Amino acid sequence: MHWLALAAAPAALVATMVSAQEAVIGTWKTQVGTTAVIDQCVEGYCITMKTGDHAGQRIGSFQGHNGSFVGSIVEPESKKTFDGVLSVAGDTVRMRGCTMKVFCRSLIWKRLQ
């Protein structure tokens, strides 16, 4: 019976790690009505457009945990790269990015899935 407890411990750890990552991972509706997906990637978490003129294009990457992330996002139309922060609270992602630490922009996305 003791071996059963030892076998269950790694499974519980994996389940805890997966649920901690689920806050940012998902499908999101952008402010302009397109759809983007945030998923795990080599850099941490990557943002890929799923609908609209830029479908299939990766537009950002972030690192972090517990709902607070730092990284960069590319505005698909202008191709400007913004360094900034991303935070997750419930079904809302808030991003604030700046280029040259002067020109800043904020985005709010809502979770679809």
Protein backbone atom coordinates (compact mmCIF):
# COMPACT_ATOMS: atom_id res chain seq x y z
CA MET A 1 0.00 0.00 0.00
CA HIS A 2 2.94 2.30 0.68
CA TRP A 3 4.08 2.01 -2.95
CA LEU A 4 0.67 3.28 -4.11
CA ALA A 5 1.17 6.56 -2.23
CA LEU A 6 4.63 6.94 -3.76
CA ALA A 7 3.26 6.32 -7.26
CA ALA A 8 0.49 8.91 -6.82
CA ALA A 9 2.83 11.70 -5.68
CA PRO A 10 4.39 12.44 -9.13
CA ALA A 11 0.93 12.43 -10.74
CA ALA A 12 -0.31 14.97 -8.20
CA LEU A 13 2.73 17.17 -8.88
CA VAL A 14 2.14 17.08 -12.64
CA ALA A 15 -1.56 17.93 -12.14
CA THR A 16 -0.61 20.91 -9.96
CA MET A 17 1.91 22.17 -12.55
CA VAL A 18 -0.61 21.88 -15.40
CA SER A 19 -3.37 23.70 -13.52
CA ALA A 20 -0.97 26.52 -12.59
CA GLN A 21 -0.21 27.07 -16.29
CA GLU A 22 -3.80 27.01 -17.46
CA ALA A 23 -4.48 30.62 -16.43
CA VAL A 24 -2.69 32.07 -19.45
CA ILE A 25 -3.10 29.20 -21.91
CA GLY A 26 -6.21 29.47 -24.04
CA THR A 27 -8.06 31.10 -26.89
CA TRP A 28 -8.64 34.84 -26.56
CA LYS A 29 -10.75 37.44 -28.36
CA THR A 30 -8.67 40.52 -29.13
CA GLN A 31 -9.91 44.11 -28.92
CA VAL A 32 -10.37 44.22 -32.71
CA GLY A 33 -12.44 41.02 -32.74
CA THR A 34 -9.87 38.54 -34.04
CA THR A 35 -8.87 35.38 -32.19
CA ALA A 36 -5.45 34.63 -30.71
CA VAL A 37 -4.12 31.56 -28.92
CA ILE A 38 -1.64 31.63 -26.05
CA ASP A 39 0.17 28.33 -25.55
CA GLN A 40 3.44 26.99 -24.17
CA CYS A 41 6.53 27.26 -26.35
CA VAL A 42 10.32 27.21 -25.97
CA GLU A 43 10.36 30.88 -24.88
CA GLY A 44 7.70 30.26 -22.21
CA TYR A 45 4.32 31.22 -23.68
CA CYS A 46 3.70 32.29 -27.27
CA ILE A 47 0.84 34.19 -28.88
CA THR A 48 -0.32 33.11 -32.34
CA MET A 49 -3.08 34.76 -34.34
CA LYS A 50 -5.81 32.29 -35.35
CA THR A 51 -8.17 34.51 -37.35
CA GLY A 52 -8.00 37.70 -39.40
CA ASP A 53 -5.43 38.94 -41.90
CA HIS A 54 -2.55 37.66 -39.76
CA ALA A 55 -3.85 34.14 -39.03
CA GLY A 56 -0.99 31.75 -38.31
CA GLN A 57 1.46 34.53 -37.45
CA ARG A 58 3.24 34.39 -34.10
CA ILE A 59 2.99 37.84 -32.56
CA GLY A 60 4.47 37.50 -29.10
CA SER A 61 6.27 35.58 -26.40
CA PHE A 62 6.24 35.91 -22.63
CA GLN A 63 7.81 34.31 -19.57
CA GLY A 64 6.50 34.18 -16.03
CA HIS A 65 4.01 32.50 -13.74
CA ASN A 66 1.15 33.07 -11.32
CA GLY A 67 -0.69 35.37 -13.74
CA SER A 68 2.22 37.80 -14.23
CA PHE A 69 4.44 37.68 -17.32
CA VAL A 70 7.05 39.78 -19.15
CA GLY A 71 8.05 39.64 -22.81
CA SER A 72 7.27 41.21 -26.14
CA ILE A 73 4.42 41.48 -28.62
CA VAL A 74 4.46 42.58 -32.25
CA GLU A 75 1.62 44.74 -33.56
CA PRO A 76 0.82 42.86 -36.79
CA GLU A 77 -0.19 45.89 -38.89
CA SER A 78 2.75 48.18 -38.14
CA LYS A 79 5.28 45.43 -37.29
CA LYS A 80 6.31 47.45 -34.19
CA THR A 81 7.63 45.39 -31.28
CA PHE A 82 6.50 46.34 -27.79
CA ASP A 83 8.30 45.12 -24.65
CA GLY A 84 6.04 44.84 -21.69
CA VAL A 85 3.95 42.93 -19.22
CA LEU A 86 0.99 40.60 -19.47
CA SER A 87 -1.30 39.77 -16.56
CA VAL A 88 -4.15 37.28 -16.28
CA ALA A 89 -7.12 37.72 -13.96
CA GLY A 90 -9.99 35.31 -14.48
CA ASP A 91 -11.11 35.49 -18.10
CA THR A 92 -9.18 38.68 -18.88
CA VAL A 93 -5.66 39.21 -20.22
CA ARG A 94 -4.22 42.69 -19.87
CA MET A 95 -1.10 43.66 -21.80
CA ARG A 96 0.88 46.85 -21.56
CA GLY A 97 3.80 47.34 -23.89
CA CYS A 98 6.16 50.14 -24.75
CA THR A 99 8.53 50.78 -27.62
CA MET A 100 11.66 52.79 -26.78
CA LYS A 101 10.14 53.08 -23.26
CA VAL A 102 8.18 56.11 -24.50
CA PHE A 103 5.36 54.97 -26.78
CA CYS A 104 3.09 52.65 -24.82
CA ARG A 105 -0.06 50.74 -25.65
CA SER A 106 -2.49 48.68 -23.57
CA LEU A 107 -4.68 45.79 -24.70
CA ILE A 108 -7.44 43.85 -23.00
CA TRP A 109 -8.46 40.42 -24.32
CA LYS A 110 -11.31 38.18 -23.17
CA ARG A 111 -11.12 34.40 -22.91
CA LEU A 112 -13.10 32.36 -25.44
CA GLN A 113 -11.93 28.89 -24.29
